[in-house]
């Protein structure tokens, strides 16, 4: 069966929902909850999309796990919407940023119940060893390693504009981490 036939059959069962969110550069309206340097994180999820996922696929009081939490944006959004969160992150720098974001959320007054944030430094490949309890949902923005090992990142439409052999160039002059276990160094 061709992919188009498969997609057609699936849409007979459940019509696909297409979502279109405004961009949230630098965390958009939520930047007040993050340290200034967190804007440099290379894999920030769209905050409107994140909010949509949390509000539509979890309930107040639920615990949301982000096994690759980066700056902690999932935890921030979860707490602001009355969900508890567990953010697991390997990189110490990002753990520090997530803990700063946690502090900013904790002092913020909101209408309604605020959820808790638990930031854990650890390797997501060892979640069973790291976590003491269960979560109700998992939401994560998968980090991608630096493109320098594979020759760049191909993006749809990019080749048409800049030529077939061009790739997005890495915007960083140095690796994100000296840690050999970091996803960008594996």
Protein backbone atom coordinates (compact mmCIF):
# COMPACT_ATOMS: atom_id res chain seq x y z
CA UNK A 1 0.00 0.00 0.00
CA UNK A 2 1.34 3.41 -0.96
CA UNK A 3 1.66 6.07 1.71
CA UNK A 4 -1.02 8.21 0.05
CA UNK A 5 -3.45 5.26 0.14
CA UNK A 6 -2.61 4.65 3.79
CA UNK A 7 -3.14 8.32 4.66
CA UNK A 8 -6.47 8.31 2.83
CA UNK A 9 -7.64 5.23 4.80
CA UNK A 10 -6.55 6.77 8.10
CA UNK A 11 -8.42 10.01 7.31
CA UNK A 12 -11.57 7.97 6.67
CA UNK A 13 -11.36 6.90 10.31
CA UNK A 14 -10.21 10.20 11.81
CA UNK A 15 -9.79 13.45 9.91
CA UNK A 16 -6.34 14.98 10.40
CA UNK A 17 -6.21 18.18 12.38
CA UNK A 18 -3.76 20.73 11.04
CA UNK A 19 -2.42 23.15 13.59
CA UNK A 20 -0.84 26.49 12.78
CA UNK A 21 0.75 28.45 15.61
CA UNK A 22 2.37 31.85 15.56
CA UNK A 23 6.13 31.62 16.16
CA UNK A 24 7.48 32.15 19.67
CA UNK A 25 11.07 33.31 19.20
CA UNK A 26 12.97 33.66 22.45
CA UNK A 27 10.04 31.97 24.28
CA UNK A 28 7.61 34.64 23.07
CA UNK A 29 5.18 35.89 25.72
CA UNK A 30 6.72 33.48 28.26
CA UNK A 31 10.30 34.86 28.12
CA UNK A 32 9.88 36.40 31.60
CA UNK A 33 10.11 32.89 33.04
CA UNK A 34 13.50 32.05 31.55
CA UNK A 35 17.02 33.32 32.15
CA UNK A 36 18.23 35.56 29.31
CA UNK A 37 20.93 33.10 28.21
CA UNK A 38 18.32 30.33 27.76
CA UNK A 39 17.27 31.98 24.50
CA UNK A 40 20.46 30.53 23.00
CA UNK A 41 19.22 26.94 23.50
CA UNK A 42 19.23 25.39 20.02
CA UNK A 43 16.03 23.31 20.24
CA UNK A 44 13.25 25.41 21.74
CA UNK A 45 9.72 24.13 21.16
CA UNK A 46 7.03 26.53 20.01
CA UNK A 47 5.35 27.70 23.23
CA UNK A 48 1.86 27.93 21.72
CA UNK A 49 2.18 24.33 20.49
CA UNK A 50 3.44 23.26 23.91
CA UNK A 51 0.55 25.02 25.62
CA UNK A 52 -1.89 23.32 23.21
CA UNK A 53 -0.48 19.87 24.00
CA UNK A 54 -0.61 20.43 27.76
CA UNK A 55 -4.10 21.91 27.86
CA UNK A 56 -5.66 19.42 25.42
CA UNK A 57 -3.91 16.19 26.42
CA UNK A 58 -3.57 16.44 30.19
CA UNK A 59 -5.65 17.52 33.15
CA UNK A 60 -4.93 19.79 36.09
CA UNK A 61 -2.99 17.88 38.72
CA UNK A 62 -1.45 15.48 36.18
CA UNK A 63 2.30 14.97 36.15
CA UNK A 64 4.05 15.56 32.83
CA UNK A 65 7.49 14.11 32.15
CA UNK A 66 9.92 15.76 29.78
CA UNK A 67 12.86 13.33 29.49
CA UNK A 68 14.99 15.80 27.47
CA UNK A 69 13.88 19.01 29.14
CA UNK A 70 16.53 21.47 28.01
CA UNK A 71 15.60 24.88 29.45
CA UNK A 72 12.51 23.48 31.17
CA UNK A 73 9.88 25.07 28.95
CA UNK A 74 7.57 22.04 29.25
CA UNK A 75 7.81 22.27 33.04
CA UNK A 76 7.15 26.01 33.01
CA UNK A 77 4.09 25.68 30.79
CA UNK A 78 2.82 22.69 32.78
CA UNK A 79 3.13 24.51 36.12
CA UNK A 80 1.40 27.62 34.76
CA UNK A 81 -1.52 25.40 33.74
CA UNK A 82 -1.83 23.53 37.05
CA UNK A 83 0.13 20.44 36.03
CA UNK A 84 3.10 19.03 37.90
CA UNK A 85 6.23 18.25 35.95
CA UNK A 86 9.43 16.27 36.01
CA UNK A 87 12.15 17.55 33.71
CA UNK A 88 15.17 15.31 33.13
CA UNK A 89 18.18 16.90 31.46
CA UNK A 90 21.74 15.68 30.93
CA UNK A 91 23.45 19.05 30.42
CA UNK A 92 24.38 20.87 33.64
CA UNK A 93 24.09 24.27 31.93
CA UNK A 94 20.52 23.53 30.85
CA UNK A 95 19.66 22.10 34.28
CA UNK A 96 20.80 25.39 35.83
CA UNK A 97 18.65 27.35 33.37
CA UNK A 98 15.64 25.12 34.14
CA UNK A 99 16.15 25.64 37.88
CA UNK A 100 16.24 29.42 37.33
CA UNK A 101 12.99 29.14 35.33
CA UNK A 102 11.50 27.08 38.16
CA UNK A 103 12.30 29.86 40.66
CA UNK A 104 10.70 32.47 38.39
CA UNK A 105 7.53 30.38 38.11
CA UNK A 106 7.38 29.77 41.86
CA UNK A 107 7.25 33.51 42.63
CA UNK A 108 4.76 34.30 39.86
CA UNK A 109 1.17 34.86 40.98
CA UNK A 110 -1.36 33.17 38.71
CA UNK A 111 -5.09 32.66 38.73
CA UNK A 112 -5.80 29.08 39.70
CA UNK A 113 -3.64 26.30 41.05
CA UNK A 114 0.03 26.27 40.05
CA UNK A 115 1.77 22.96 39.44
CA UNK A 116 5.13 21.90 40.83
CA UNK A 117 8.39 21.61 38.91
CA UNK A 118 10.99 18.94 39.62
CA UNK A 119 14.26 19.30 37.68
CA UNK A 120 16.56 16.27 37.63
CA UNK A 121 20.01 16.11 36.10
CA UNK A 122 20.34 12.73 34.46
CA UNK A 123 20.46 10.71 31.27
CA UNK A 124 17.05 10.06 29.65
CA UNK A 125 18.35 6.67 28.53
CA UNK A 126 18.24 5.67 32.21
CA UNK A 127 14.77 6.91 33.17
CA UNK A 128 13.91 3.76 35.12
CA UNK A 129 16.89 4.44 37.41
CA UNK A 130 16.18 8.18 37.67
CA UNK A 131 12.44 8.33 38.32
CA UNK A 132 10.84 7.31 41.60
CA UNK A 133 7.27 7.53 40.40
CA UNK A 134 5.04 7.61 37.35
CA UNK A 135 3.97 10.38 35.05
CA UNK A 136 0.62 10.80 33.37
CA UNK A 137 1.99 12.17 30.09
CA UNK A 138 5.28 12.59 28.29
CA UNK A 139 5.92 15.73 26.25
CA UNK A 140 9.34 16.53 24.83
CA UNK A 141 11.03 18.42 22.06
CA UNK A 142 13.62 16.03 20.74
CA UNK A 143 17.08 17.62 20.63
CA UNK A 144 19.16 17.16 17.53
CA UNK A 145 22.94 16.90 17.67
CA UNK A 146 25.14 19.37 15.91
CA UNK A 147 25.05 19.10 12.18
CA UNK A 148 28.83 19.21 11.73
CA UNK A 149 29.22 15.43 11.91
CA UNK A 150 26.69 14.77 9.17
CA UNK A 151 27.42 17.70 6.88
CA UNK A 152 24.51 19.90 7.83
CA UNK A 153 20.77 19.75 8.25
CA UNK A 154 18.59 19.44 5.16
CA UNK A 155 15.41 21.50 5.27
CA UNK A 156 12.51 21.20 2.84
CA UNK A 157 12.61 24.12 0.43
CA UNK A 158 16.14 25.11 1.41
CA UNK A 159 17.73 23.26 -1.51
CA UNK A 160 15.34 24.98 -3.95
CA UNK A 161 16.41 28.39 -2.68
CA UNK A 162 20.15 27.86 -2.09
CA UNK A 163 21.14 24.89 -4.26
CA UNK A 164 21.21 21.13 -3.84
CA UNK A 165 24.61 20.94 -2.15
CA UNK A 166 23.91 23.62 0.42
CA UNK A 167 22.86 22.78 3.95
CA UNK A 168 21.99 24.92 6.92
CA UNK A 169 25.24 25.94 8.51
CA UNK A 170 25.80 25.41 12.21
CA UNK A 171 25.30 28.71 14.02
CA UNK A 172 27.59 27.75 16.90
CA UNK A 173 31.35 28.18 16.87
CA UNK A 174 31.92 25.48 19.46
CA UNK A 175 30.23 22.29 20.70
CA UNK A 176 27.38 22.71 23.15
CA UNK A 177 29.18 20.60 25.71
CA UNK A 178 32.47 18.97 26.53
CA UNK A 179 30.48 16.09 28.03
CA UNK A 180 31.10 13.01 25.79
CA UNK A 181 27.66 11.65 26.74
CA UNK A 182 25.86 14.75 25.39
CA UNK A 183 23.48 13.95 22.55
CA UNK A 184 25.39 16.29 20.25
CA UNK A 185 28.60 14.36 20.83
CA UNK A 186 27.26 10.82 20.40
